[in-house]
Amino acid sequence: MSTAQASKAIPAICNEGCGEQFEVKGFQTARLPGAVEKTYFNCPHCQREYVAYYTDSEVRQLQDKIRRIQSQLQNPRANQSVILKNIKKTQADIKAGMDRVRAAIAEKG
């Protein structure tokens, strides 16, 4: 099962396939075993798949957390430096989680 996610067009080159230039106009999401989601796009010329990232339930919870933290920036009375520190920490946690999931997927081969 896959779904398209809307986003701005991103210029890309199919450097692992046909070598053509194209614009990535959206990402697809596919569910994998173990509650893992793969977010990816395909070259429109040769259909070569490029994986942007993998997430699991833990990473998706961290993504929700960062959205909540970022919304606190709208409050003028909030301690901006503490919020920015929390954002930076959560971003590092997300990156570590995505790296962990990617490594697990690669291990399964």
C-alpha atoms as a PDB file:
ATOM      1  CA  MET A   1       0.000   0.000   0.000  1.00  0.00           C
ATOM      2  CA  SER A   2       1.395   3.389  -0.842  1.00  0.00           C
ATOM      3  CA  THR A   3       0.233   6.936  -0.553  1.00  0.00           C
ATOM      4  CA  ALA A   4       1.463  10.146  -2.122  1.00  0.00           C
ATOM      5  CA  GLN A   5       2.538  13.083  -0.004  1.00  0.00           C
ATOM      6  CA  ALA A   6       2.303  16.567  -1.474  1.00  0.00           C
ATOM      7  CA  SER A   7       5.388  18.770  -1.396  1.00  0.00           C
ATOM      8  CA  LYS A   8       7.226  21.372  -3.430  1.00  0.00           C
ATOM      9  CA  ALA A   9       9.081  20.142  -6.509  1.00  0.00           C
ATOM     10  CA  ILE A  10      12.699  19.233  -5.768  1.00  0.00           C
ATOM     11  CA  PRO A  11      15.237  19.015  -8.616  1.00  0.00           C
ATOM     12  CA  ALA A  12      16.936  15.607  -8.878  1.00  0.00           C
ATOM     13  CA  ILE A  13      19.175  13.532 -11.138  1.00  0.00           C
ATOM     14  CA  CYS A  14      18.750   9.788 -11.479  1.00  0.00           C
ATOM     15  CA  ASN A  15      22.389   9.112 -10.569  1.00  0.00           C
ATOM     16  CA  GLU A  16      21.836   5.398  -9.923  1.00  0.00           C
ATOM     17  CA  GLY A  17      19.737   4.692 -12.992  1.00  0.00           C
ATOM     18  CA  CYS A  18      19.217   6.431 -16.313  1.00  0.00           C
ATOM     19  CA  GLY A  19      21.055   9.691 -15.502  1.00  0.00           C
ATOM     20  CA  GLU A  20      18.077  11.882 -16.476  1.00  0.00           C
ATOM     21  CA  GLN A  21      17.128  15.070 -14.654  1.00  0.00           C
ATOM     22  CA  PHE A  22      13.654  15.369 -13.177  1.00  0.00           C
ATOM     23  CA  GLU A  23      11.674  17.047 -10.426  1.00  0.00           C
ATOM     24  CA  VAL A  24      10.476  15.165  -7.371  1.00  0.00           C
ATOM     25  CA  LYS A  25       6.931  16.433  -6.906  1.00  0.00           C
ATOM     26  CA  GLY A  26       5.937  14.188  -4.038  1.00  0.00           C
ATOM     27  CA  PHE A  27       6.933  11.222  -1.967  1.00  0.00           C
ATOM     28  CA  GLN A  28       5.278   7.843  -1.687  1.00  0.00           C
ATOM     29  CA  THR A  29       4.890   5.952   1.575  1.00  0.00           C
ATOM     30  CA  ALA A  30       4.794   2.170   1.784  1.00  0.00           C
ATOM     31  CA  ARG A  31       4.109   0.092   4.874  1.00  0.00           C
ATOM     32  CA  LEU A  32       6.633  -2.647   5.566  1.00  0.00           C
ATOM     33  CA  PRO A  33       6.534  -5.471   8.131  1.00  0.00           C
ATOM     34  CA  GLY A  34       7.122  -4.497  11.746  1.00  0.00           C
ATOM     35  CA  ALA A  35       5.228  -1.167  11.600  1.00  0.00           C
ATOM     36  CA  VAL A  36       8.002   0.313   9.441  1.00  0.00           C
ATOM     37  CA  GLU A  37       7.124   2.919   6.819  1.00  0.00           C
ATOM     38  CA  LYS A  38       9.342   3.629   3.817  1.00  0.00           C
ATOM     39  CA  THR A  39       9.162   7.114   2.296  1.00  0.00           C
ATOM     40  CA  TYR A  40      10.529   7.219  -1.235  1.00  0.00           C
ATOM     41  CA  PHE A  41      10.217   8.518  -4.801  1.00  0.00           C
ATOM     42  CA  ASN A  42      10.817   6.990  -8.232  1.00  0.00           C
ATOM     43  CA  CYS A  43      12.580   8.318 -11.298  1.00  0.00           C
ATOM     44  CA  PRO A  44       9.790   9.020 -13.799  1.00  0.00           C
ATOM     45  CA  HIS A  45      12.031   7.864 -16.677  1.00  0.00           C
ATOM     46  CA  CYS A  46      13.376   4.494 -15.510  1.00  0.00           C
ATOM     47  CA  GLN A  47      11.359   3.949 -12.290  1.00  0.00           C
ATOM     48  CA  ARG A  48      14.545   3.623 -10.149  1.00  0.00           C
ATOM     49  CA  GLU A  49      13.463   3.876  -6.511  1.00  0.00           C
ATOM     50  CA  TYR A  50      15.164   6.291  -4.121  1.00  0.00           C
ATOM     51  CA  VAL A  51      14.405   5.871  -0.408  1.00  0.00           C
ATOM     52  CA  ALA A  52      14.275   9.167   1.485  1.00  0.00           C
ATOM     53  CA  TYR A  53      13.918   7.584   4.926  1.00  0.00           C
ATOM     54  CA  TYR A  54      12.406   4.813   7.032  1.00  0.00           C
ATOM     55  CA  THR A  55      10.391   5.294  10.216  1.00  0.00           C
ATOM     56  CA  ASP A  56       8.974   3.027  12.867  1.00  0.00           C
ATOM     57  CA  SER A  57       6.419   3.807  15.565  1.00  0.00           C
ATOM     58  CA  GLU A  58       9.105   5.232  17.875  1.00  0.00           C
ATOM     59  CA  VAL A  59      10.400   7.639  15.211  1.00  0.00           C
ATOM     60  CA  ARG A  60       6.869   8.697  14.282  1.00  0.00           C
ATOM     61  CA  GLN A  61       6.181   9.466  17.955  1.00  0.00           C
ATOM     62  CA  LEU A  62       9.318  11.636  18.031  1.00  0.00           C
ATOM     63  CA  GLN A  63       8.127  13.412  14.866  1.00  0.00           C
ATOM     64  CA  ASP A  64       4.813  14.150  16.596  1.00  0.00           C
ATOM     65  CA  LYS A  65       6.726  15.372  19.651  1.00  0.00           C
ATOM     66  CA  ILE A  66       8.820  17.790  17.595  1.00  0.00           C
ATOM     67  CA  ARG A  67       5.687  19.232  15.980  1.00  0.00           C
ATOM     68  CA  ARG A  68       4.259  19.879  19.456  1.00  0.00           C
ATOM     69  CA  ILE A  69       7.514  21.474  20.603  1.00  0.00           C
ATOM     70  CA  GLN A  70       7.705  23.650  17.476  1.00  0.00           C
ATOM     71  CA  SER A  71       4.166  24.890  18.077  1.00  0.00           C
ATOM     72  CA  GLN A  72       5.380  26.268  21.438  1.00  0.00           C
ATOM     73  CA  LEU A  73       7.545  28.736  19.509  1.00  0.00           C
ATOM     74  CA  GLN A  74       4.347  30.642  18.691  1.00  0.00           C
ATOM     75  CA  ASN A  75       3.948  31.590  22.362  1.00  0.00           C
ATOM     76  CA  PRO A  76       5.771  34.918  22.902  1.00  0.00           C
ATOM     77  CA  ARG A  77       6.102  34.182  26.646  1.00  0.00           C
ATOM     78  CA  ALA A  78       7.797  30.827  26.110  1.00  0.00           C
ATOM     79  CA  ASN A  79      11.488  30.426  26.813  1.00  0.00           C
ATOM     80  CA  GLN A  80      12.725  30.297  23.216  1.00  0.00           C
ATOM     81  CA  SER A  81      16.212  29.013  24.072  1.00  0.00           C
ATOM     82  CA  VAL A  82      14.802  26.050  26.018  1.00  0.00           C
ATOM     83  CA  ILE A  83      12.394  25.243  23.185  1.00  0.00           C
ATOM     84  CA  LEU A  84      15.175  25.430  20.580  1.00  0.00           C
ATOM     85  CA  LYS A  85      17.344  23.164  22.752  1.00  0.00           C
ATOM     86  CA  ASN A  86      14.475  20.652  22.969  1.00  0.00           C
ATOM     87  CA  ILE A  87      13.995  20.821  19.201  1.00  0.00           C
ATOM     88  CA  LYS A  88      17.688  20.180  18.578  1.00  0.00           C
ATOM     89  CA  LYS A  89      17.688  17.198  20.984  1.00  0.00           C
ATOM     90  CA  THR A  90      14.551  15.715  19.443  1.00  0.00           C
ATOM     91  CA  GLN A  91      15.961  16.179  15.917  1.00  0.00           C
ATOM     92  CA  ALA A  92      19.062  14.225  16.981  1.00  0.00           C
ATOM     93  CA  ASP A  93      16.833  11.504  18.440  1.00  0.00           C
ATOM     94  CA  ILE A  94      14.852  11.327  15.180  1.00  0.00           C
ATOM     95  CA  LYS A  95      18.027  11.052  13.104  1.00  0.00           C
ATOM     96  CA  ALA A  96      19.371   8.295  15.366  1.00  0.00           C
ATOM     97  CA  GLY A  97      16.045   6.457  15.138  1.00  0.00           C
ATOM     98  CA  MET A  98      15.934   6.732  11.333  1.00  0.00           C
ATOM     99  CA  ASP A  99      19.533   5.500  11.121  1.00  0.00           C
ATOM    100  CA  ARG A 100      18.639   2.558  13.393  1.00  0.00           C
ATOM    101  CA  VAL A 101      15.632   1.604  11.251  1.00  0.00           C
ATOM    102  CA  ARG A 102      17.628   1.965   8.001  1.00  0.00           C
ATOM    103  CA  ALA A 103      20.365  -0.297   9.418  1.00  0.00           C
ATOM    104  CA  ALA A 104      17.777  -2.895  10.465  1.00  0.00           C
ATOM    105  CA  ILE A 105      16.244  -2.849   6.971  1.00  0.00           C
ATOM    106  CA  ALA A 106      19.679  -3.183   5.348  1.00  0.00           C
ATOM    107  CA  GLU A 107      20.488  -6.080   7.681  1.00  0.00           C
ATOM    108  CA  LYS A 108      17.387  -7.939   6.516  1.00  0.00           C
ATOM    109  CA  GLY A 109      18.641  -7.287   3.018  1.00  0.00           C
END
